[in-house]
Amino acid sequence: MTETNDGKALAPKRADALKNRDHILKVAHDAFAQSGETSLNEIAKRAGIGAGTLYRHFPTREALILAVYGHDIDRLVASVADLLAAGPAIEAFRSWFSTLADYIRIKHGLGEALHSPAAQEAIRSTYAPVIAAIDQLIAACVAEGSMRAGVRGGDILILMGFLWRLPADAEGRQQAERMMTVVLRGLAVDV
């Protein structure tokens, strides 16, 4: 059983409530990716639920936006092991950062919705898990010999910032691939 900020006990969520919440977050992610202006009523409609169900889970637009952002980052952080198991670490690194860029583009598309103190705290709280995931990717790249030792996650996060500044269209994605190649060559083991 979890507690509220004032110490009151909350009943555990039912499995169907958790499933509804997860479904809403996925639908909202897709809706916000299309347009940061998507209304909560439109998201409820796309999710095939009533507006009341949506508002029970997320009483405000900000609450939904922050939950989507947190859910996306949690999924991304959790994906590292699967990406590393699927192939070369350097390709996992590329894929992971491409997905992060997509998530950050969505976040930036939501504009003013992410400038409240609650939003800033939610964003700050994701920093450590993101850096830990990057460090895990770096360690795997170093172990396979595709990246030099001594690279730091925080430095890489700043360096890779170009990815979410480029447009998400075909031309922007091609430019991102070219720039990613330049960055990875710079991080490669000295020969």
Protein backbone atom coordinates (compact mmCIF):
# COMPACT_ATOMS: atom_id res chain seq x y z
CA MET A 1 0.00 0.00 0.00
CA THR A 2 1.35 3.45 -0.90
CA GLU A 3 0.87 6.73 0.92
CA THR A 4 -0.13 10.24 -0.09
CA ASN A 5 2.07 13.23 0.74
CA ASP A 6 0.16 13.70 4.00
CA GLY A 7 0.78 10.08 5.09
CA LYS A 8 -2.70 8.72 4.37
CA ALA A 9 -2.76 5.19 3.01
CA LEU A 10 -3.97 4.64 -0.54
CA ALA A 11 -5.54 1.39 -1.67
CA PRO A 12 -3.47 -0.46 -4.26
CA LYS A 13 -4.68 0.12 -7.82
CA ARG A 14 -6.67 -2.66 -9.39
CA ALA A 15 -5.13 -4.43 -12.36
CA ASP A 16 -7.79 -3.09 -14.73
CA ALA A 17 -7.20 0.47 -13.48
CA LEU A 18 -3.46 0.08 -14.12
CA LYS A 19 -4.17 -1.33 -17.57
CA ASN A 20 -6.48 1.63 -18.34
CA ARG A 21 -3.85 4.07 -17.13
CA ASP A 22 -1.15 2.47 -19.29
CA HIS A 23 -3.46 2.51 -22.32
CA ILE A 24 -4.27 6.19 -21.76
CA LEU A 25 -0.57 7.03 -21.51
CA LYS A 26 0.21 5.27 -24.79
CA VAL A 27 -2.68 6.98 -26.59
CA ALA A 28 -1.72 10.36 -25.10
CA HIS A 29 1.92 9.85 -26.16
CA ASP A 30 0.83 9.26 -29.76
CA ALA A 31 -1.62 12.18 -29.66
CA PHE A 32 0.97 14.59 -28.27
CA ALA A 33 3.49 13.37 -30.86
CA GLN A 34 1.02 14.47 -33.55
CA SER A 35 0.13 17.76 -31.86
CA GLY A 36 0.97 19.24 -28.51
CA GLU A 37 -2.43 20.95 -28.61
CA THR A 38 -4.49 17.74 -28.50
CA SER A 39 -7.32 18.13 -25.98
CA LEU A 40 -7.98 15.75 -23.11
CA ASN A 41 -11.42 15.02 -24.56
CA GLU A 42 -9.82 14.02 -27.86
CA ILE A 43 -7.38 11.74 -26.02
CA ALA A 44 -10.26 10.12 -24.13
CA LYS A 45 -12.07 9.57 -27.44
CA ARG A 46 -8.99 8.03 -29.07
CA ALA A 47 -8.49 5.81 -26.02
CA GLY A 48 -12.09 4.62 -26.26
CA ILE A 49 -12.94 5.77 -22.75
CA GLY A 50 -15.16 8.40 -21.25
CA ALA A 51 -13.79 11.78 -20.25
CA GLY A 52 -14.62 10.94 -16.62
CA THR A 53 -12.31 7.92 -16.71
CA LEU A 54 -9.51 10.04 -18.11
CA TYR A 55 -10.02 12.74 -15.48
CA ARG A 56 -10.07 10.15 -12.68
CA HIS A 57 -6.59 9.08 -13.70
CA PHE A 58 -5.32 12.54 -14.72
CA PRO A 59 -7.29 15.42 -13.22
CA THR A 60 -5.45 18.09 -15.24
CA ARG A 61 -3.73 18.42 -18.60
CA GLU A 62 -0.45 19.00 -16.77
CA ALA A 63 -0.89 15.77 -14.80
CA LEU A 64 -1.38 13.82 -18.03
CA ILE A 65 1.57 15.48 -19.78
CA LEU A 66 3.88 14.81 -16.84
CA ALA A 67 2.69 11.21 -16.59
CA VAL A 68 3.32 10.67 -20.33
CA TYR A 69 6.79 12.17 -20.04
CA GLY A 70 7.63 10.04 -16.98
CA HIS A 71 6.20 6.91 -18.60
CA ASP A 72 8.22 7.50 -21.78
CA ILE A 73 11.46 8.01 -19.85
CA ASP A 74 10.81 4.96 -17.64
CA ARG A 75 10.26 2.81 -20.74
CA LEU A 76 13.37 4.21 -22.40
CA VAL A 77 15.57 3.59 -19.35
CA ALA A 78 14.18 0.07 -19.03
CA SER A 79 14.89 -0.65 -22.72
CA VAL A 80 18.69 -0.59 -22.39
CA ALA A 81 19.11 -4.27 -21.50
CA ASP A 82 16.90 -5.41 -24.40
CA LEU A 83 18.68 -3.13 -26.86
CA LEU A 84 22.06 -4.42 -25.73
CA ALA A 85 20.88 -8.02 -26.00
CA ALA A 86 19.63 -7.45 -29.55
CA GLY A 87 22.92 -6.57 -31.17
CA PRO A 88 26.11 -4.54 -31.03
CA ALA A 89 26.30 -2.02 -28.20
CA ILE A 90 27.07 0.84 -30.56
CA GLU A 91 23.82 0.17 -32.43
CA ALA A 92 21.95 0.05 -29.11
CA PHE A 93 23.52 3.44 -28.33
CA ARG A 94 22.31 4.87 -31.67
CA SER A 95 18.81 3.46 -31.28
CA TRP A 96 18.45 4.60 -27.67
CA PHE A 97 19.44 8.17 -28.46
CA SER A 98 17.12 8.30 -31.47
CA THR A 99 14.23 7.30 -29.23
CA LEU A 100 15.28 9.82 -26.57
CA ALA A 101 15.31 12.52 -29.25
CA ASP A 102 11.76 11.59 -30.29
CA TYR A 103 10.58 11.84 -26.66
CA ILE A 104 12.28 15.18 -26.14
CA ARG A 105 10.79 16.56 -29.36
CA ILE A 106 7.34 15.67 -28.00
CA LYS A 107 8.22 17.34 -24.70
CA HIS A 108 9.37 20.50 -26.49
CA GLY A 109 6.20 20.47 -28.61
CA LEU A 110 4.17 20.81 -25.43
CA GLY A 111 5.71 24.23 -24.84
CA GLU A 112 4.46 26.12 -21.80
CA ALA A 113 2.86 23.00 -20.32
CA LEU A 114 6.29 21.95 -19.06
CA HIS A 115 7.37 25.16 -17.37
CA SER A 116 5.54 24.81 -14.05
CA PRO A 117 7.47 23.98 -10.88
CA ALA A 118 5.89 20.49 -10.86
CA ALA A 119 7.02 19.92 -14.43
CA GLN A 120 10.54 21.10 -13.72
CA GLU A 121 10.73 18.74 -10.73
CA ALA A 122 9.47 15.83 -12.86
CA ILE A 123 12.11 16.57 -15.48
CA ARG A 124 14.86 16.87 -12.83
CA SER A 125 13.80 13.54 -11.31
CA THR A 126 14.41 11.75 -14.63
CA TYR A 127 17.98 13.03 -14.98
CA ALA A 128 19.70 10.43 -12.78
CA PRO A 129 17.97 7.40 -14.39
CA VAL A 130 18.75 8.74 -17.87
CA ILE A 131 22.41 9.26 -16.98
CA ALA A 132 22.57 5.76 -15.48
CA ALA A 133 21.13 4.32 -18.72
CA ILE A 134 23.65 6.27 -20.80
CA ASP A 135 26.48 5.07 -18.56
CA GLN A 136 25.27 1.49 -19.07
CA LEU A 137 25.32 1.98 -22.84
CA ILE A 138 28.78 3.55 -22.68
CA ALA A 139 30.14 0.67 -20.57
CA ALA A 140 28.83 -1.84 -23.11
CA CYS A 141 30.35 0.13 -25.99
CA VAL A 142 33.70 0.34 -24.18
CA ALA A 143 33.58 -3.41 -23.46
CA GLU A 144 32.94 -4.23 -27.13
CA GLY A 145 35.71 -1.84 -28.21
CA SER A 146 33.53 0.62 -30.12
CA MET A 147 34.01 3.54 -27.70
CA ARG A 148 36.99 4.86 -25.79
CA ALA A 149 37.08 4.61 -22.01
CA GLY A 150 36.54 7.71 -19.88
CA VAL A 151 33.41 8.95 -21.63
CA ARG A 152 30.81 10.26 -19.17
CA GLY A 153 27.04 10.02 -19.45
CA GLY A 154 26.39 13.65 -18.54
CA ASP A 155 28.83 14.84 -21.20
CA ILE A 156 27.24 12.57 -23.80
CA LEU A 157 23.74 13.81 -22.95
CA ILE A 158 24.85 17.40 -23.62
CA LEU A 159 26.75 16.39 -26.76
CA MET A 160 23.81 14.47 -28.20
CA GLY A 161 21.48 17.45 -27.72
CA PHE A 162 21.71 18.15 -31.45
CA LEU A 163 19.36 15.20 -32.03
CA TRP A 164 16.30 16.86 -30.54
CA ARG A 165 17.05 20.20 -32.15
CA LEU A 166 16.75 18.79 -35.66
CA PRO A 167 13.38 18.50 -37.38
CA ALA A 168 11.69 15.09 -37.24
CA ASP A 169 11.17 15.01 -41.01
CA ALA A 170 13.17 12.84 -43.44
CA GLU A 171 15.81 15.52 -44.03
CA GLY A 172 16.29 16.07 -40.30
CA ARG A 173 16.62 12.33 -39.68
CA GLN A 174 19.24 12.04 -42.44
CA GLN A 175 21.18 14.93 -40.93
CA ALA A 176 20.90 13.28 -37.50
CA GLU A 177 22.39 10.05 -38.88
CA ARG A 178 25.29 11.95 -40.47
CA MET A 179 25.98 13.89 -37.28
CA MET A 180 25.64 10.76 -35.14
CA THR A 181 28.32 9.10 -37.29
CA VAL A 182 30.66 12.06 -36.74
CA VAL A 183 30.06 11.95 -32.97
CA LEU A 184 30.61 8.20 -32.77
CA ARG A 185 33.82 8.47 -34.77
CA GLY A 186 35.01 11.06 -32.28
CA LEU A 187 34.16 8.73 -29.39
CA ALA A 188 35.76 5.69 -31.02
CA VAL A 189 38.78 3.97 -29.59
CA ASP A 190 41.99 5.69 -30.63
CA VAL A 191 43.80 3.73 -33.33
